[in-house]
Amino acid sequence: MPSGVRVEPLGDDACVAEVGSDTPRMLACYLGMLGADFEVTGPPELVAEIRALAGRYRRAVPEGAP
């Protein structure tokens, strides 16, 4: 993750992270590399990049592929 990440625990299995990046696309890629589930609540530009990246990954694996 980029430097300057602020993380606040929400319990034993959840937290809120406030992060930034040079571009929403770069931050979307960083989030994908966490190896953990996450939820993006904004900004709209980041939400759009997450959706675009998710679509690319879905299309990369054909239906019924092992």
C-alpha atoms as a PDB file:
ATOM      1  CA  MET A   1       0.000   0.000   0.000  1.00  0.00           C
ATOM      2  CA  PRO A   2       1.087   3.574  -0.442  1.00  0.00           C
ATOM      3  CA  SER A   3       2.696   5.292   2.514  1.00  0.00           C
ATOM      4  CA  GLY A   4       0.461   7.333   4.761  1.00  0.00           C
ATOM      5  CA  VAL A   5      -2.172   4.642   5.257  1.00  0.00           C
ATOM      6  CA  ARG A   6      -4.384   5.245   8.278  1.00  0.00           C
ATOM      7  CA  VAL A   7      -6.110   2.136   9.667  1.00  0.00           C
ATOM      8  CA  GLU A   8      -8.782   2.127  12.372  1.00  0.00           C
ATOM      9  CA  PRO A   9      -9.909  -1.213  13.833  1.00  0.00           C
ATOM     10  CA  LEU A  10     -13.655  -1.934  13.822  1.00  0.00           C
ATOM     11  CA  GLY A  11     -13.420  -5.187  15.742  1.00  0.00           C
ATOM     12  CA  ASP A  12     -11.567  -8.485  15.547  1.00  0.00           C
ATOM     13  CA  ASP A  13     -12.096  -8.981  11.822  1.00  0.00           C
ATOM     14  CA  ALA A  14     -12.700  -5.561  10.276  1.00  0.00           C
ATOM     15  CA  CYS A  15     -11.098  -2.149   9.944  1.00  0.00           C
ATOM     16  CA  VAL A  16     -11.390   1.096   8.037  1.00  0.00           C
ATOM     17  CA  ALA A  17      -8.374   2.185   6.014  1.00  0.00           C
ATOM     18  CA  GLU A  18      -7.913   5.685   4.676  1.00  0.00           C
ATOM     19  CA  VAL A  19      -5.417   5.604   1.830  1.00  0.00           C
ATOM     20  CA  GLY A  20      -4.436   7.653  -1.141  1.00  0.00           C
ATOM     21  CA  SER A  21      -2.636   7.108  -4.421  1.00  0.00           C
ATOM     22  CA  ASP A  22      -1.479   8.983  -7.492  1.00  0.00           C
ATOM     23  CA  THR A  23      -4.517   7.738  -9.426  1.00  0.00           C
ATOM     24  CA  PRO A  24      -7.740   5.854  -8.647  1.00  0.00           C
ATOM     25  CA  ARG A  25      -6.577   3.066 -10.994  1.00  0.00           C
ATOM     26  CA  MET A  26      -3.346   2.597  -9.046  1.00  0.00           C
ATOM     27  CA  LEU A  27      -5.243   2.447  -5.761  1.00  0.00           C
ATOM     28  CA  ALA A  28      -7.665  -0.117  -7.239  1.00  0.00           C
ATOM     29  CA  CYS A  29      -4.667  -2.296  -8.127  1.00  0.00           C
ATOM     30  CA  TYR A  30      -3.162  -1.906  -4.633  1.00  0.00           C
ATOM     31  CA  LEU A  31      -6.449  -2.938  -3.032  1.00  0.00           C
ATOM     32  CA  GLY A  32      -6.649  -6.008  -5.255  1.00  0.00           C
ATOM     33  CA  MET A  33      -3.236  -7.131  -4.008  1.00  0.00           C
ATOM     34  CA  LEU A  34      -4.256  -7.137  -0.337  1.00  0.00           C
ATOM     35  CA  GLY A  35      -5.371 -10.770  -0.388  1.00  0.00           C
ATOM     36  CA  ALA A  36      -8.405  -9.859   1.705  1.00  0.00           C
ATOM     37  CA  ASP A  37     -12.019  -8.916   1.134  1.00  0.00           C
ATOM     38  CA  PHE A  38     -12.710  -5.204   1.111  1.00  0.00           C
ATOM     39  CA  GLU A  39     -15.502  -2.730   0.475  1.00  0.00           C
ATOM     40  CA  VAL A  40     -15.014   0.568  -1.331  1.00  0.00           C
ATOM     41  CA  THR A  41     -17.398   3.349  -0.319  1.00  0.00           C
ATOM     42  CA  GLY A  42     -15.919   6.161  -2.382  1.00  0.00           C
ATOM     43  CA  PRO A  43     -14.921   8.288  -4.074  1.00  0.00           C
ATOM     44  CA  PRO A  44     -16.896   7.596  -7.261  1.00  0.00           C
ATOM     45  CA  GLU A  45     -13.716   7.533  -9.386  1.00  0.00           C
ATOM     46  CA  LEU A  46     -12.292   4.694  -7.287  1.00  0.00           C
ATOM     47  CA  VAL A  47     -15.589   2.792  -7.358  1.00  0.00           C
ATOM     48  CA  ALA A  48     -15.548   3.032 -11.173  1.00  0.00           C
ATOM     49  CA  GLU A  49     -11.959   1.742 -11.361  1.00  0.00           C
ATOM     50  CA  ILE A  50     -12.771  -1.183  -9.029  1.00  0.00           C
ATOM     51  CA  ARG A  51     -15.749  -2.102 -11.228  1.00  0.00           C
ATOM     52  CA  ALA A  52     -13.629  -1.903 -14.387  1.00  0.00           C
ATOM     53  CA  LEU A  53     -10.903  -4.072 -12.866  1.00  0.00           C
ATOM     54  CA  ALA A  54     -13.447  -6.599 -11.567  1.00  0.00           C
ATOM     55  CA  GLY A  55     -14.954  -6.839 -15.042  1.00  0.00           C
ATOM     56  CA  ARG A  56     -11.534  -7.433 -16.587  1.00  0.00           C
ATOM     57  CA  TYR A  57     -10.820 -10.259 -14.139  1.00  0.00           C
ATOM     58  CA  ARG A  58     -14.261 -11.824 -14.763  1.00  0.00           C
ATOM     59  CA  ARG A  59     -13.716 -11.755 -18.529  1.00  0.00           C
ATOM     60  CA  ALA A  60     -10.221 -13.271 -18.118  1.00  0.00           C
ATOM     61  CA  VAL A  61     -11.696 -16.579 -16.907  1.00  0.00           C
ATOM     62  CA  PRO A  62     -14.193 -18.197 -19.299  1.00  0.00           C
ATOM     63  CA  GLU A  63     -17.460 -19.612 -17.902  1.00  0.00           C
ATOM     64  CA  GLY A  64     -16.961 -23.177 -16.730  1.00  0.00           C
ATOM     65  CA  ALA A  65     -13.167 -22.898 -16.584  1.00  0.00           C
ATOM     66  CA  PRO A  66     -11.617 -25.079 -13.889  1.00  0.00           C
END
